PDB file of N, CA and C in Angstrom:
ATOM      1  N   MET A   1      60.315  -0.233 -27.878  1.00  0.00           N
ATOM      2  CA  MET A   1      59.411  -0.831 -28.851  1.00  0.00           C
ATOM      3  C   MET A   1      58.713  -2.063 -28.112  1.00  0.00           C
ATOM      4  N   THR A   2      57.558  -2.232 -28.457  1.00  0.00           N
ATOM      5  CA  THR A   2      56.795  -3.412 -28.004  1.00  0.00           C
ATOM      6  C   THR A   2      55.999  -4.033 -29.168  1.00  0.00           C
ATOM      7  N   SER A   3      55.665  -5.257 -29.046  1.00  0.00           N
ATOM      8  CA  SER A   3      54.925  -5.970 -30.098  1.00  0.00           C
ATOM      9  C   SER A   3      53.846  -6.883 -29.543  1.00  0.00           C
ATOM     10  N   ILE A   4      52.751  -7.037 -30.345  1.00  0.00           N
ATOM     11  CA  ILE A   4      51.645  -7.838 -29.878  1.00  0.00           C
ATOM     12  C   ILE A   4      51.209  -8.785 -31.025  1.00  0.00           C
ATOM     13  N   HIS A   5      50.498  -9.799 -30.673  1.00  0.00           N
ATOM     14  CA  HIS A   5      49.835 -10.734 -31.617  1.00  0.00           C
ATOM     15  C   HIS A   5      48.429 -10.711 -31.003  1.00  0.00           C
ATOM     16  N   ALA A   6      47.370 -10.410 -31.809  1.00  0.00           N
ATOM     17  CA  ALA A   6      46.054 -10.437 -31.290  1.00  0.00           C
ATOM     18  C   ALA A   6      45.046 -11.086 -32.150  1.00  0.00           C
ATOM     19  N   ILE A   7      44.042 -11.601 -31.622  1.00  0.00           N
ATOM     20  CA  ILE A   7      42.894 -12.202 -32.401  1.00  0.00           C
ATOM     21  C   ILE A   7      41.611 -11.512 -31.941  1.00  0.00           C
ATOM     22  N   ALA A   8      40.945 -10.895 -32.923  1.00  0.00           N
ATOM     23  CA  ALA A   8      39.630 -10.218 -32.679  1.00  0.00           C
ATOM     24  C   ALA A   8      38.526 -11.142 -33.138  1.00  0.00           C
ATOM     25  N   TYR A   9      37.554 -11.361 -32.200  1.00  0.00           N
ATOM     26  CA  TYR A   9      36.397 -12.224 -32.435  1.00  0.00           C
ATOM     27  C   TYR A   9      35.103 -11.401 -32.476  1.00  0.00           C
ATOM     28  N   GLY A  10      34.118 -11.918 -33.218  1.00  0.00           N
ATOM     29  CA  GLY A  10      32.844 -11.222 -33.320  1.00  0.00           C
ATOM     30  C   GLY A  10      32.479 -11.053 -34.769  1.00  0.00           C
ATOM     31  N   VAL A  11      31.735 -10.036 -35.082  1.00  0.00           N
ATOM     32  CA  VAL A  11      31.375  -9.693 -36.427  1.00  0.00           C
ATOM     33  C   VAL A  11      32.542  -8.788 -36.915  1.00  0.00           C
ATOM     34  N   VAL A  12      33.551  -9.400 -37.510  1.00  0.00           N
ATOM     35  CA  VAL A  12      34.803  -8.607 -37.852  1.00  0.00           C
ATOM     36  C   VAL A  12      35.244  -8.967 -39.311  1.00  0.00           C
ATOM     37  N   GLN A  13      34.494  -9.733 -40.012  1.00  0.00           N
ATOM     38  CA  GLN A  13      34.758  -9.998 -41.448  1.00  0.00           C
ATOM     39  C   GLN A  13      33.611  -9.501 -42.293  1.00  0.00           C
ATOM     40  N   GLY A  14      34.029  -8.946 -43.484  1.00  0.00           N
ATOM     41  CA  GLY A  14      32.954  -8.390 -44.407  1.00  0.00           C
ATOM     42  C   GLY A  14      32.388  -7.126 -43.971  1.00  0.00           C
ATOM     43  N   VAL A  15      33.047  -6.373 -42.992  1.00  0.00           N
ATOM     44  CA  VAL A  15      32.466  -5.138 -42.532  1.00  0.00           C
ATOM     45  C   VAL A  15      33.484  -4.018 -42.539  1.00  0.00           C
ATOM     46  N   GLY A  16      34.591  -4.183 -43.307  1.00  0.00           N
ATOM     47  CA  GLY A  16      35.633  -3.114 -43.347  1.00  0.00           C
ATOM     48  C   GLY A  16      36.534  -3.119 -42.151  1.00  0.00           C
ATOM     49  N   PHE A  17      36.541  -4.160 -41.343  1.00  0.00           N
ATOM     50  CA  PHE A  17      37.361  -4.137 -40.123  1.00  0.00           C
ATOM     51  C   PHE A  17      38.824  -4.136 -40.347  1.00  0.00           C
ATOM     52  N   ARG A  18      39.270  -4.914 -41.352  1.00  0.00           N
ATOM     53  CA  ARG A  18      40.738  -4.936 -41.658  1.00  0.00           C
ATOM     54  C   ARG A  18      41.214  -3.510 -42.069  1.00  0.00           C
ATOM     55  N   ASN A  19      40.401  -2.861 -42.906  1.00  0.00           N
ATOM     56  CA  ASN A  19      40.806  -1.500 -43.281  1.00  0.00           C
ATOM     57  C   ASN A  19      40.842  -0.572 -42.127  1.00  0.00           C
ATOM     58  N   PHE A  20      39.852  -0.728 -41.168  1.00  0.00           N
ATOM     59  CA  PHE A  20      39.804   0.080 -39.950  1.00  0.00           C
ATOM     60  C   PHE A  20      41.053  -0.212 -39.137  1.00  0.00           C
ATOM     61  N   VAL A  21      41.446  -1.467 -38.974  1.00  0.00           N
ATOM     62  CA  VAL A  21      42.651  -1.839 -38.215  1.00  0.00           C
ATOM     63  C   VAL A  21      43.893  -1.206 -38.848  1.00  0.00           C
ATOM     64  N   GLN A  22      44.013  -1.298 -40.157  1.00  0.00           N
ATOM     65  CA  GLN A  22      45.175  -0.705 -40.833  1.00  0.00           C
ATOM     66  C   GLN A  22      45.214   0.840 -40.569  1.00  0.00           C
ATOM     67  N   GLU A  23      44.056   1.519 -40.679  1.00  0.00           N
ATOM     68  CA  GLU A  23      44.059   2.930 -40.438  1.00  0.00           C
ATOM     69  C   GLU A  23      44.463   3.220 -38.995  1.00  0.00           C
ATOM     70  N   ALA A  24      43.884   2.494 -38.090  1.00  0.00           N
ATOM     71  CA  ALA A  24      44.219   2.690 -36.682  1.00  0.00           C
ATOM     72  C   ALA A  24      45.674   2.460 -36.451  1.00  0.00           C
ATOM     73  N   ALA A  25      46.255   1.427 -37.024  1.00  0.00           N
ATOM     74  CA  ALA A  25      47.704   1.189 -36.938  1.00  0.00           C
ATOM     75  C   ALA A  25      48.550   2.334 -37.429  1.00  0.00           C
ATOM     76  N   GLU A  26      48.184   2.813 -38.631  1.00  0.00           N
ATOM     77  CA  GLU A  26      48.875   3.960 -39.247  1.00  0.00           C
ATOM     78  C   GLU A  26      48.803   5.181 -38.405  1.00  0.00           C
ATOM     79  N   LYS A  27      47.656   5.498 -37.827  1.00  0.00           N
ATOM     80  CA  LYS A  27      47.466   6.659 -36.929  1.00  0.00           C
ATOM     81  C   LYS A  27      48.365   6.558 -35.731  1.00  0.00           C
ATOM     82  N   ASN A  28      48.623   5.360 -35.252  1.00  0.00           N
ATOM     83  CA  ASN A  28      49.512   5.150 -34.120  1.00  0.00           C
ATOM     84  C   ASN A  28      50.964   4.847 -34.475  1.00  0.00           C
ATOM     85  N   HIS A  29      51.258   4.939 -35.720  1.00  0.00           N
ATOM     86  CA  HIS A  29      52.636   4.771 -36.209  1.00  0.00           C
ATOM     87  C   HIS A  29      53.156   3.416 -35.951  1.00  0.00           C
ATOM     88  N   LEU A  30      52.367   2.372 -36.192  1.00  0.00           N
ATOM     89  CA  LEU A  30      52.721   0.958 -35.958  1.00  0.00           C
ATOM     90  C   LEU A  30      53.071   0.286 -37.282  1.00  0.00           C
ATOM     91  N   TYR A  31      53.884  -0.790 -37.124  1.00  0.00           N
ATOM     92  CA  TYR A  31      54.155  -1.615 -38.261  1.00  0.00           C
ATOM     93  C   TYR A  31      53.544  -3.007 -37.937  1.00  0.00           C
ATOM     94  N   GLY A  32      53.279  -3.778 -39.095  1.00  0.00           N
ATOM     95  CA  GLY A  32      52.708  -5.073 -38.837  1.00  0.00           C
ATOM     96  C   GLY A  32      51.748  -5.456 -39.897  1.00  0.00           C
ATOM     97  N   TRP A  33      50.692  -6.248 -39.552  1.00  0.00           N
ATOM     98  CA  TRP A  33      49.750  -6.716 -40.569  1.00  0.00           C
ATOM     99  C   TRP A  33      48.487  -7.171 -39.918  1.00  0.00           C
ATOM    100  N   VAL A  34      47.441  -7.346 -40.716  1.00  0.00           N
ATOM    101  CA  VAL A  34      46.125  -7.839 -40.302  1.00  0.00           C
ATOM    102  C   VAL A  34      45.625  -8.765 -41.370  1.00  0.00           C
ATOM    103  N   ARG A  35      44.894  -9.835 -40.956  1.00  0.00           N
ATOM    104  CA  ARG A  35      44.378 -10.760 -41.981  1.00  0.00           C
ATOM    105  C   ARG A  35      43.205 -11.493 -41.379  1.00  0.00           C
ATOM    106  N   ASN A  36      42.261 -11.917 -42.284  1.00  0.00           N
ATOM    107  CA  ASN A  36      41.138 -12.741 -41.935  1.00  0.00           C
ATOM    108  C   ASN A  36      41.598 -14.145 -41.637  1.00  0.00           C
ATOM    109  N   ARG A  37      40.951 -14.827 -40.701  1.00  0.00           N
ATOM    110  CA  ARG A  37      41.226 -16.252 -40.430  1.00  0.00           C
ATOM    111  C   ARG A  37      39.993 -17.026 -40.924  1.00  0.00           C
ATOM    112  N   LYS A  38      40.236 -18.254 -41.184  1.00  0.00           N
ATOM    113  CA  LYS A  38      39.145 -19.164 -41.697  1.00  0.00           C
ATOM    114  C   LYS A  38      38.005 -19.399 -40.692  1.00  0.00           C
ATOM    115  N   ASP A  39      38.297 -19.148 -39.375  1.00  0.00           N
ATOM    116  CA  ASP A  39      37.273 -19.353 -38.370  1.00  0.00           C
ATOM    117  C   ASP A  39      36.417 -18.078 -38.138  1.00  0.00           C
ATOM    118  N   GLY A  40      36.555 -17.092 -38.974  1.00  0.00           N
ATOM    119  CA  GLY A  40      35.702 -15.833 -38.873  1.00  0.00           C
ATOM    120  C   GLY A  40      36.351 -14.804 -38.072  1.00  0.00           C
ATOM    121  N   ALA A  41      37.485 -15.037 -37.418  1.00  0.00           N
ATOM    122  CA  ALA A  41      38.154 -14.004 -36.579  1.00  0.00           C
ATOM    123  C   ALA A  41      39.132 -13.250 -37.491  1.00  0.00           C
ATOM    124  N   VAL A  42      39.732 -12.242 -36.866  1.00  0.00           N
ATOM    125  CA  VAL A  42      40.773 -11.440 -37.561  1.00  0.00           C
ATOM    126  C   VAL A  42      42.001 -11.439 -36.724  1.00  0.00           C
ATOM    127  N   GLU A  43      43.161 -11.797 -37.335  1.00  0.00           N
ATOM    128  CA  GLU A  43      44.423 -11.861 -36.693  1.00  0.00           C
ATOM    129  C   GLU A  43      45.248 -10.573 -36.941  1.00  0.00           C
ATOM    130  N   ILE A  44      45.887 -10.154 -35.935  1.00  0.00           N
ATOM    131  CA  ILE A  44      46.673  -8.882 -36.013  1.00  0.00           C
ATOM    132  C   ILE A  44      48.053  -9.034 -35.369  1.00  0.00           C
ATOM    133  N   ALA A  45      49.085  -8.528 -36.017  1.00  0.00           N
ATOM    134  CA  ALA A  45      50.403  -8.475 -35.432  1.00  0.00           C
ATOM    135  C   ALA A  45      50.866  -7.032 -35.606  1.00  0.00           C
ATOM    136  N   ALA A  46      51.311  -6.419 -34.499  1.00  0.00           N
ATOM    137  CA  ALA A  46      51.695  -5.021 -34.503  1.00  0.00           C
ATOM    138  C   ALA A  46      52.940  -4.728 -33.662  1.00  0.00           C
ATOM    139  N   GLU A  47      53.666  -3.737 -34.071  1.00  0.00           N
ATOM    140  CA  GLU A  47      54.862  -3.400 -33.359  1.00  0.00           C
ATOM    141  C   GLU A  47      54.988  -1.856 -33.309  1.00  0.00           C
ATOM    142  N   GLY A  48      55.407  -1.251 -32.180  1.00  0.00           N
ATOM    143  CA  GLY A  48      55.551   0.168 -32.113  1.00  0.00           C
ATOM    144  C   GLY A  48      55.860   0.544 -30.665  1.00  0.00           C
ATOM    145  N   GLU A  49      55.774   1.867 -30.396  1.00  0.00           N
ATOM    146  CA  GLU A  49      55.923   2.357 -29.019  1.00  0.00           C
ATOM    147  C   GLU A  49      54.843   1.836 -28.136  1.00  0.00           C
ATOM    148  N   LYS A  50      55.118   1.552 -26.897  1.00  0.00           N
ATOM    149  CA  LYS A  50      54.203   0.907 -25.956  1.00  0.00           C
ATOM    150  C   LYS A  50      52.887   1.689 -25.824  1.00  0.00           C
ATOM    151  N   THR A  51      52.962   3.010 -25.627  1.00  0.00           N
ATOM    152  CA  THR A  51      51.716   3.801 -25.499  1.00  0.00           C
ATOM    153  C   THR A  51      50.857   3.744 -26.722  1.00  0.00           C
ATOM    154  N   GLU A  52      51.527   3.756 -27.889  1.00  0.00           N
ATOM    155  CA  GLU A  52      50.700   3.771 -29.170  1.00  0.00           C
ATOM    156  C   GLU A  52      50.138   2.401 -29.392  1.00  0.00           C
ATOM    157  N   VAL A  53      50.816   1.337 -29.025  1.00  0.00           N
ATOM    158  CA  VAL A  53      50.294  -0.046 -29.149  1.00  0.00           C
ATOM    159  C   VAL A  53      49.066  -0.152 -28.217  1.00  0.00           C
ATOM    160  N   GLU A  54      49.164   0.347 -27.036  1.00  0.00           N
ATOM    161  CA  GLU A  54      48.010   0.292 -26.116  1.00  0.00           C
ATOM    162  C   GLU A  54      46.810   1.054 -26.623  1.00  0.00           C
ATOM    163  N   GLN A  55      47.037   2.240 -27.181  1.00  0.00           N
ATOM    164  CA  GLN A  55      45.919   3.018 -27.783  1.00  0.00           C
ATOM    165  C   GLN A  55      45.297   2.238 -28.983  1.00  0.00           C
ATOM    166  N   PHE A  56      46.180   1.591 -29.752  1.00  0.00           N
ATOM    167  CA  PHE A  56      45.720   0.850 -30.850  1.00  0.00           C
ATOM    168  C   PHE A  56      44.806  -0.362 -30.383  1.00  0.00           C
ATOM    169  N   ILE A  57      45.232  -1.039 -29.372  1.00  0.00           N
ATOM    170  CA  ILE A  57      44.413  -2.154 -28.845  1.00  0.00           C
ATOM    171  C   ILE A  57      43.067  -1.681 -28.444  1.00  0.00           C
ATOM    172  N   GLN A  58      42.954  -0.546 -27.769  1.00  0.00           N
ATOM    173  CA  GLN A  58      41.691   0.031 -27.396  1.00  0.00           C
ATOM    174  C   GLN A  58      40.837   0.307 -28.570  1.00  0.00           C
ATOM    175  N   MET A  59      41.409   0.848 -29.623  1.00  0.00           N
ATOM    176  CA  MET A  59      40.629   1.133 -30.858  1.00  0.00           C
ATOM    177  C   MET A  59      40.172  -0.114 -31.446  1.00  0.00           C
ATOM    178  N   VAL A  60      40.977  -1.166 -31.543  1.00  0.00           N
ATOM    179  CA  VAL A  60      40.533  -2.456 -32.084  1.00  0.00           C
ATOM    180  C   VAL A  60      39.388  -3.028 -31.267  1.00  0.00           C
ATOM    181  N   LYS A  61      39.436  -2.897 -29.948  1.00  0.00           N
ATOM    182  CA  LYS A  61      38.440  -3.457 -29.101  1.00  0.00           C
ATOM    183  C   LYS A  61      37.055  -2.718 -29.401  1.00  0.00           C
ATOM    184  N   LYS A  62      37.087  -1.486 -29.696  1.00  0.00           N
ATOM    185  CA  LYS A  62      35.900  -0.720 -30.038  1.00  0.00           C
ATOM    186  C   LYS A  62      35.354  -1.105 -31.430  1.00  0.00           C
ATOM    187  N   GLY A  63      36.265  -1.253 -32.371  1.00  0.00           N
ATOM    188  CA  GLY A  63      35.875  -1.627 -33.760  1.00  0.00           C
ATOM    189  C   GLY A  63      35.403  -0.516 -34.458  1.00  0.00           C
ATOM    190  N   ASN A  64      34.937  -0.643 -35.687  1.00  0.00           N
ATOM    191  CA  ASN A  64      34.378   0.454 -36.527  1.00  0.00           C
ATOM    192  C   ASN A  64      32.846   0.415 -36.365  1.00  0.00           C
ATOM    193  N   ALA A  65      32.194   1.280 -37.120  1.00  0.00           N
ATOM    194  CA  ALA A  65      30.744   1.319 -37.041  1.00  0.00           C
ATOM    195  C   ALA A  65      29.995   0.122 -37.465  1.00  0.00           C
ATOM    196  N   PHE A  66      30.598  -0.754 -38.301  1.00  0.00           N
ATOM    197  CA  PHE A  66      29.885  -1.891 -38.878  1.00  0.00           C
ATOM    198  C   PHE A  66      30.270  -3.182 -38.199  1.00  0.00           C
ATOM    199  N   SER A  67      31.317  -3.167 -37.435  1.00  0.00           N
ATOM    200  CA  SER A  67      31.736  -4.408 -36.762  1.00  0.00           C
ATOM    201  C   SER A  67      31.175  -4.500 -35.385  1.00  0.00           C
ATOM    202  N   ARG A  68      31.222  -5.701 -34.756  1.00  0.00           N
ATOM    203  CA  ARG A  68      30.810  -5.920 -33.416  1.00  0.00           C
ATOM    204  C   ARG A  68      31.892  -6.841 -32.773  1.00  0.00           C
ATOM    205  N   VAL A  69      32.830  -6.162 -32.079  1.00  0.00           N
ATOM    206  CA  VAL A  69      33.966  -6.945 -31.526  1.00  0.00           C
ATOM    207  C   VAL A  69      33.472  -7.488 -30.204  1.00  0.00           C
ATOM    208  N   GLU A  70      33.498  -8.864 -30.123  1.00  0.00           N
ATOM    209  CA  GLU A  70      33.016  -9.552 -28.879  1.00  0.00           C
ATOM    210  C   GLU A  70      34.178  -9.609 -27.891  1.00  0.00           C
ATOM    211  N   ARG A  71      35.365  -9.918 -28.422  1.00  0.00           N
ATOM    212  CA  ARG A  71      36.573 -10.003 -27.513  1.00  0.00           C
ATOM    213  C   ARG A  71      37.831  -9.895 -28.325  1.00  0.00           C
ATOM    214  N   VAL A  72      38.887  -9.468 -27.731  1.00  0.00           N
ATOM    215  CA  VAL A  72      40.251  -9.470 -28.413  1.00  0.00           C
ATOM    216  C   VAL A  72      41.249 -10.120 -27.447  1.00  0.00           C
ATOM    217  N   GLU A  73      41.844 -11.172 -27.912  1.00  0.00           N
ATOM    218  CA  GLU A  73      42.898 -11.867 -27.158  1.00  0.00           C
ATOM    219  C   GLU A  73      44.268 -11.322 -27.576  1.00  0.00           C
ATOM    220  N   VAL A  74      45.012 -10.814 -26.651  1.00  0.00           N
ATOM    221  CA  VAL A  74      46.298 -10.133 -26.949  1.00  0.00           C
ATOM    222  C   VAL A  74      47.475 -10.888 -26.251  1.00  0.00           C
ATOM    223  N   GLU A  75      48.453 -11.153 -26.993  1.00  0.00           N
ATOM    224  CA  GLU A  75      49.737 -11.761 -26.471  1.00  0.00           C
ATOM    225  C   GLU A  75      50.872 -10.782 -26.775  1.00  0.00           C
ATOM    226  N   ASP A  76      51.576 -10.462 -25.708  1.00  0.00           N
ATOM    227  CA  ASP A  76      52.686  -9.575 -25.839  1.00  0.00           C
ATOM    228  C   ASP A  76      53.977 -10.339 -26.346  1.00  0.00           C
ATOM    229  N   GLY A  77      54.923  -9.508 -26.885  1.00  0.00           N
ATOM    230  CA  GLY A  77      56.123 -10.119 -27.302  1.00  0.00           C
ATOM    231  C   GLY A  77      56.188 -10.923 -28.532  1.00  0.00           C
ATOM    232  N   ALA A  78      55.247 -10.593 -29.453  1.00  0.00           N
ATOM    233  CA  ALA A  78      55.179 -11.397 -30.720  1.00  0.00           C
ATOM    234  C   ALA A  78      56.301 -11.005 -31.675  1.00  0.00           C
ATOM    235  N   ASP A  79      56.723 -11.979 -32.506  1.00  0.00           N
ATOM    236  CA  ASP A  79      57.691 -11.726 -33.585  1.00  0.00           C
ATOM    237  C   ASP A  79      56.914 -11.207 -34.764  1.00  0.00           C
ATOM    238  N   VAL A  80      56.971  -9.891 -35.013  1.00  0.00           N
ATOM    239  CA  VAL A  80      56.187  -9.298 -36.088  1.00  0.00           C
ATOM    240  C   VAL A  80      57.057  -9.150 -37.258  1.00  0.00           C
ATOM    241  N   GLN A  81      56.613  -9.828 -38.383  1.00  0.00           N
ATOM    242  CA  GLN A  81      57.288  -9.732 -39.670  1.00  0.00           C
ATOM    243  C   GLN A  81      56.651  -8.594 -40.450  1.00  0.00           C
ATOM    244  N   HIS A  82      57.439  -7.528 -40.760  1.00  0.00           N
ATOM    245  CA  HIS A  82      56.851  -6.362 -41.490  1.00  0.00           C
ATOM    246  C   HIS A  82      57.959  -5.778 -42.315  1.00  0.00           C
ATOM    247  N   ASP A  83      57.580  -4.931 -43.239  1.00  0.00           N
ATOM    248  CA  ASP A  83      58.476  -4.159 -44.080  1.00  0.00           C
ATOM    249  C   ASP A  83      58.382  -2.691 -43.783  1.00  0.00           C
ATOM    250  N   ARG A  84      58.364  -2.385 -42.424  1.00  0.00           N
ATOM    251  CA  ARG A  84      58.224  -0.968 -41.974  1.00  0.00           C
ATOM    252  C   ARG A  84      56.955  -0.310 -42.512  1.00  0.00           C
ATOM    253  N   GLN A  85      55.896  -1.131 -42.529  1.00  0.00           N
ATOM    254  CA  GLN A  85      54.550  -0.633 -42.875  1.00  0.00           C
ATOM    255  C   GLN A  85      53.579  -1.529 -42.206  1.00  0.00           C
ATOM    256  N   PHE A  86      52.274  -1.162 -42.270  1.00  0.00           N
ATOM    257  CA  PHE A  86      51.199  -2.000 -41.762  1.00  0.00           C
ATOM    258  C   PHE A  86      50.335  -2.427 -42.956  1.00  0.00           C
ATOM    259  N   SER A  87      50.288  -3.692 -43.232  1.00  0.00           N
ATOM    260  CA  SER A  87      49.599  -4.187 -44.419  1.00  0.00           C
ATOM    261  C   SER A  87      48.429  -5.085 -44.133  1.00  0.00           C
ATOM    262  N   ILE A  88      47.597  -5.197 -45.093  1.00  0.00           N
ATOM    263  CA  ILE A  88      46.460  -6.156 -45.058  1.00  0.00           C
ATOM    264  C   ILE A  88      46.912  -7.376 -45.853  1.00  0.00           C
ATOM    265  N   ARG A  89      46.963  -8.538 -45.155  1.00  0.00           N
ATOM    266  CA  ARG A  89      47.319  -9.764 -45.781  1.00  0.00           C
ATOM    267  C   ARG A  89      46.137 -10.502 -46.212  1.00  0.00           C
ATOM    268  N   ARG A  90      46.195 -11.190 -47.348  1.00  0.00           N
ATOM    269  CA  ARG A  90      45.078 -11.975 -47.836  1.00  0.00           C
ATOM    270  C   ARG A  90      45.203 -13.380 -47.405  1.00  0.00           C
TER     271      ARG A  90
END
């Protein structure tokens, strides 16, 4: 198992990006959460198998049809608090 903490910057709020991230995480069998930040970025914490986490990061970097992801900062080894699911936090 591996875990990450990431911040996605760009046009990522108000465009369905958190739902997209949640769906991408569930497709990759990851646990964790996603939430909007006050600075307009989106914060993500995820945990799962290394290859699935890597695939997930690539999906996040591409974004959905309505977002424009400028960059994603990823930190390995995050302490991910989850209830064996991937949730959208408010």
